[in-house]
Amino acid sequence: APPTYDAVVQMEYLDMVVNETLRLFPVAIRLERTCKKDVEINGVFIPKGSMVVIPTYALHHDPKYWTEPEEFRPERFSKKKDSIDPYIYTPFGTGPRNCIGMRFALMNMKLALIRVLQNFSFKPCKETQIPLKLDTQGLLQPEKPIVLKVDSRDGTLSGE
């Protein structure tokens, strides 16, 4: 059955999985802002009009902020989620110019995962690249296509 809004909101582990996935694989690997006025931060002068780049991917993988940052650990986002610095974990940007569609996007990701996982199970196969290697050019994407074995939960479909 399709999940209700209330059911999705109560799926704490799903929320942790989505947040950890966005930490490891942020949609935007960097954020850009234009400095609106001359400012000095920690002795560094930034003139008005300068482009300031916030390296989202680097922050999300920095061992200074994340224990074993390359490991997939959804528990990082358990009840202590509020202790995570909102300027370090920024999958949707931060401040007054963060993504207006954040809640909509999160809900749709969760709904899509629920519906797919209700109907299919996924397993690695001989063609699955483990560990996953990311392309270093441009957008964050895998070097090679992700290949998995997919089984229908009702047994009508099976394949690699």
Protein backbone atom coordinates (compact mmCIF):
# COMPACT_ATOMS: atom_id res chain seq x y z
CA ALA A 1 0.00 0.00 0.00
CA PRO A 2 1.21 3.54 -0.64
CA PRO A 3 2.66 5.07 2.54
CA THR A 4 0.88 7.93 4.26
CA TYR A 5 2.59 11.18 5.19
CA ASP A 6 2.36 10.27 8.89
CA ALA A 7 3.93 6.86 8.25
CA VAL A 8 6.85 8.39 6.31
CA VAL A 9 7.50 10.98 9.03
CA GLN A 10 7.73 8.16 11.61
CA MET A 11 10.34 6.21 9.58
CA GLU A 12 13.36 7.39 11.56
CA TYR A 13 15.85 4.95 10.03
CA LEU A 14 14.78 5.92 6.51
CA ASP A 15 15.44 9.56 7.44
CA MET A 16 18.90 8.61 8.72
CA VAL A 17 19.67 6.66 5.51
CA VAL A 18 18.60 9.55 3.27
CA ASN A 19 20.64 12.07 5.28
CA GLU A 20 23.75 9.87 5.29
CA THR A 21 23.39 9.30 1.55
CA LEU A 22 23.18 13.07 0.98
CA ARG A 23 26.27 13.51 3.15
CA LEU A 24 28.28 10.98 1.14
CA PHE A 25 26.88 12.00 -2.25
CA PRO A 26 25.68 15.63 -2.08
CA VAL A 27 23.68 16.83 -5.07
CA ALA A 28 25.68 20.06 -5.15
CA ILE A 29 29.37 19.40 -4.51
CA ARG A 30 29.88 23.10 -3.83
CA LEU A 31 27.84 26.19 -3.05
CA GLU A 32 28.63 29.59 -4.51
CA ARG A 33 27.75 32.95 -3.03
CA THR A 34 28.61 36.51 -4.04
CA CYS A 35 30.00 38.66 -1.24
CA LYS A 36 27.62 41.62 -0.78
CA LYS A 37 30.04 43.86 1.12
CA ASP A 38 33.73 44.07 1.99
CA VAL A 39 34.42 41.79 4.93
CA GLU A 40 37.39 40.42 6.85
CA ILE A 41 37.14 36.92 8.33
CA ASN A 42 40.00 35.56 10.45
CA GLY A 43 42.40 38.02 8.86
CA VAL A 44 41.32 37.26 5.29
CA PHE A 45 39.88 40.20 3.36
CA ILE A 46 37.04 39.37 0.96
CA PRO A 47 36.05 42.30 -1.27
CA LYS A 48 32.48 43.03 -2.24
CA GLY A 49 31.51 41.19 -5.44
CA SER A 50 33.91 38.28 -4.87
CA MET A 51 32.66 34.76 -5.53
CA VAL A 52 32.88 32.67 -2.36
CA VAL A 53 32.83 28.89 -2.81
CA ILE A 54 31.72 26.56 -0.02
CA PRO A 55 33.09 23.06 -0.74
CA THR A 56 30.11 20.91 0.29
CA TYR A 57 31.66 17.61 -0.78
CA ALA A 58 34.90 18.36 1.08
CA LEU A 59 33.05 19.39 4.26
CA HIS A 60 30.88 16.26 4.12
CA HIS A 61 34.01 14.07 3.87
CA ASP A 62 36.29 15.88 6.32
CA PRO A 63 37.53 13.62 9.18
CA LYS A 64 37.73 16.75 11.35
CA TYR A 65 33.91 16.74 11.44
CA TRP A 66 32.97 13.10 10.67
CA THR A 67 34.44 9.95 12.19
CA GLU A 68 35.45 7.63 9.33
CA PRO A 69 33.84 9.95 6.77
CA GLU A 70 33.96 7.46 3.86
CA GLU A 71 31.91 4.89 5.79
CA PHE A 72 28.14 4.69 5.30
CA ARG A 73 26.78 5.14 8.83
CA PRO A 74 23.16 6.29 8.97
CA GLU A 75 23.37 6.33 12.78
CA ARG A 76 25.27 9.63 12.51
CA PHE A 77 21.84 11.15 11.97
CA SER A 78 20.06 9.47 14.88
CA LYS A 79 18.59 11.43 17.78
CA LYS A 80 21.82 13.46 18.04
CA LYS A 81 21.17 14.90 14.58
CA ASP A 82 20.56 18.33 16.13
CA SER A 83 24.19 18.37 17.33
CA ILE A 84 25.43 18.30 13.70
CA ASP A 85 26.71 21.72 12.68
CA PRO A 86 24.29 23.11 10.04
CA TYR A 87 27.22 24.87 8.36
CA ILE A 88 29.10 21.57 7.93
CA TYR A 89 26.19 19.38 6.75
CA THR A 90 24.67 21.39 3.89
CA PRO A 91 23.03 19.10 1.30
CA PHE A 92 20.49 21.81 0.45
CA GLY A 93 22.61 24.87 1.10
CA THR A 94 22.36 26.99 4.20
CA GLY A 95 21.04 30.28 5.47
CA PRO A 96 18.30 32.38 3.88
CA ARG A 97 19.23 31.18 0.37
CA ASN A 98 19.01 27.46 1.01
CA CYS A 99 16.89 25.26 -1.25
CA ILE A 100 13.24 26.28 -1.13
CA GLY A 101 12.24 22.75 -2.17
CA MET A 102 14.18 20.92 0.57
CA ARG A 103 11.20 19.42 2.42
CA PHE A 104 9.49 18.49 -0.85
CA ALA A 105 12.69 16.85 -2.16
CA LEU A 106 13.28 14.90 1.05
CA MET A 107 9.70 13.63 1.12
CA ASN A 108 9.85 12.61 -2.54
CA MET A 109 13.17 10.78 -2.05
CA LYS A 110 11.67 8.86 0.85
CA LEU A 111 8.45 8.05 -1.01
CA ALA A 112 10.42 6.82 -4.03
CA LEU A 113 12.65 4.63 -1.85
CA ILE A 114 9.67 3.18 -0.01
CA ARG A 115 7.78 2.31 -3.20
CA VAL A 116 10.83 0.80 -4.92
CA LEU A 117 11.85 -1.22 -1.84
CA GLN A 118 8.26 -2.43 -1.33
CA ASN A 119 8.43 -4.06 -4.75
CA PHE A 120 12.10 -4.96 -5.34
CA SER A 121 15.21 -6.13 -3.53
CA PHE A 122 18.71 -5.18 -4.67
CA LYS A 123 21.95 -7.14 -4.30
CA PRO A 124 25.46 -6.69 -5.63
CA CYS A 125 26.50 -8.95 -8.50
CA LYS A 126 29.83 -9.73 -10.20
CA GLU A 127 29.62 -6.48 -12.25
CA THR A 128 28.98 -4.30 -9.19
CA GLN A 129 31.93 -1.97 -8.59
CA ILE A 130 32.88 -2.25 -4.91
CA PRO A 131 33.97 0.17 -3.65
CA LEU A 132 32.12 2.64 -5.83
CA LYS A 133 34.52 4.97 -7.65
CA LEU A 134 33.38 8.48 -8.44
CA ASP A 135 34.17 10.44 -11.58
CA THR A 136 36.43 13.36 -10.75
CA GLN A 137 35.17 15.59 -13.57
CA GLY A 138 32.20 17.93 -13.20
CA LEU A 139 29.09 16.53 -11.56
CA LEU A 140 29.25 13.94 -8.81
CA GLN A 141 28.59 10.65 -10.59
CA PRO A 142 30.00 7.12 -10.62
CA GLU A 143 32.95 6.33 -12.92
CA LYS A 144 30.99 3.39 -14.33
CA PRO A 145 27.26 2.59 -14.29
CA ILE A 146 26.02 1.03 -11.05
CA VAL A 147 25.02 -2.57 -11.81
CA LEU A 148 22.94 -4.52 -9.29
CA LYS A 149 20.89 -7.70 -9.22
CA VAL A 150 17.20 -6.82 -8.91
CA ASP A 151 14.54 -9.24 -7.70
CA SER A 152 10.83 -8.58 -7.59
CA ARG A 153 9.42 -9.15 -4.13
CA ASP A 154 6.43 -10.96 -5.66
CA GLY A 155 8.73 -13.22 -7.71
CA THR A 156 7.58 -12.08 -11.17
CA LEU A 157 10.84 -10.40 -12.21
CA SER A 158 14.46 -11.34 -11.74
CA GLY A 159 17.56 -10.06 -13.46
CA GLU A 160 20.94 -8.45 -13.39
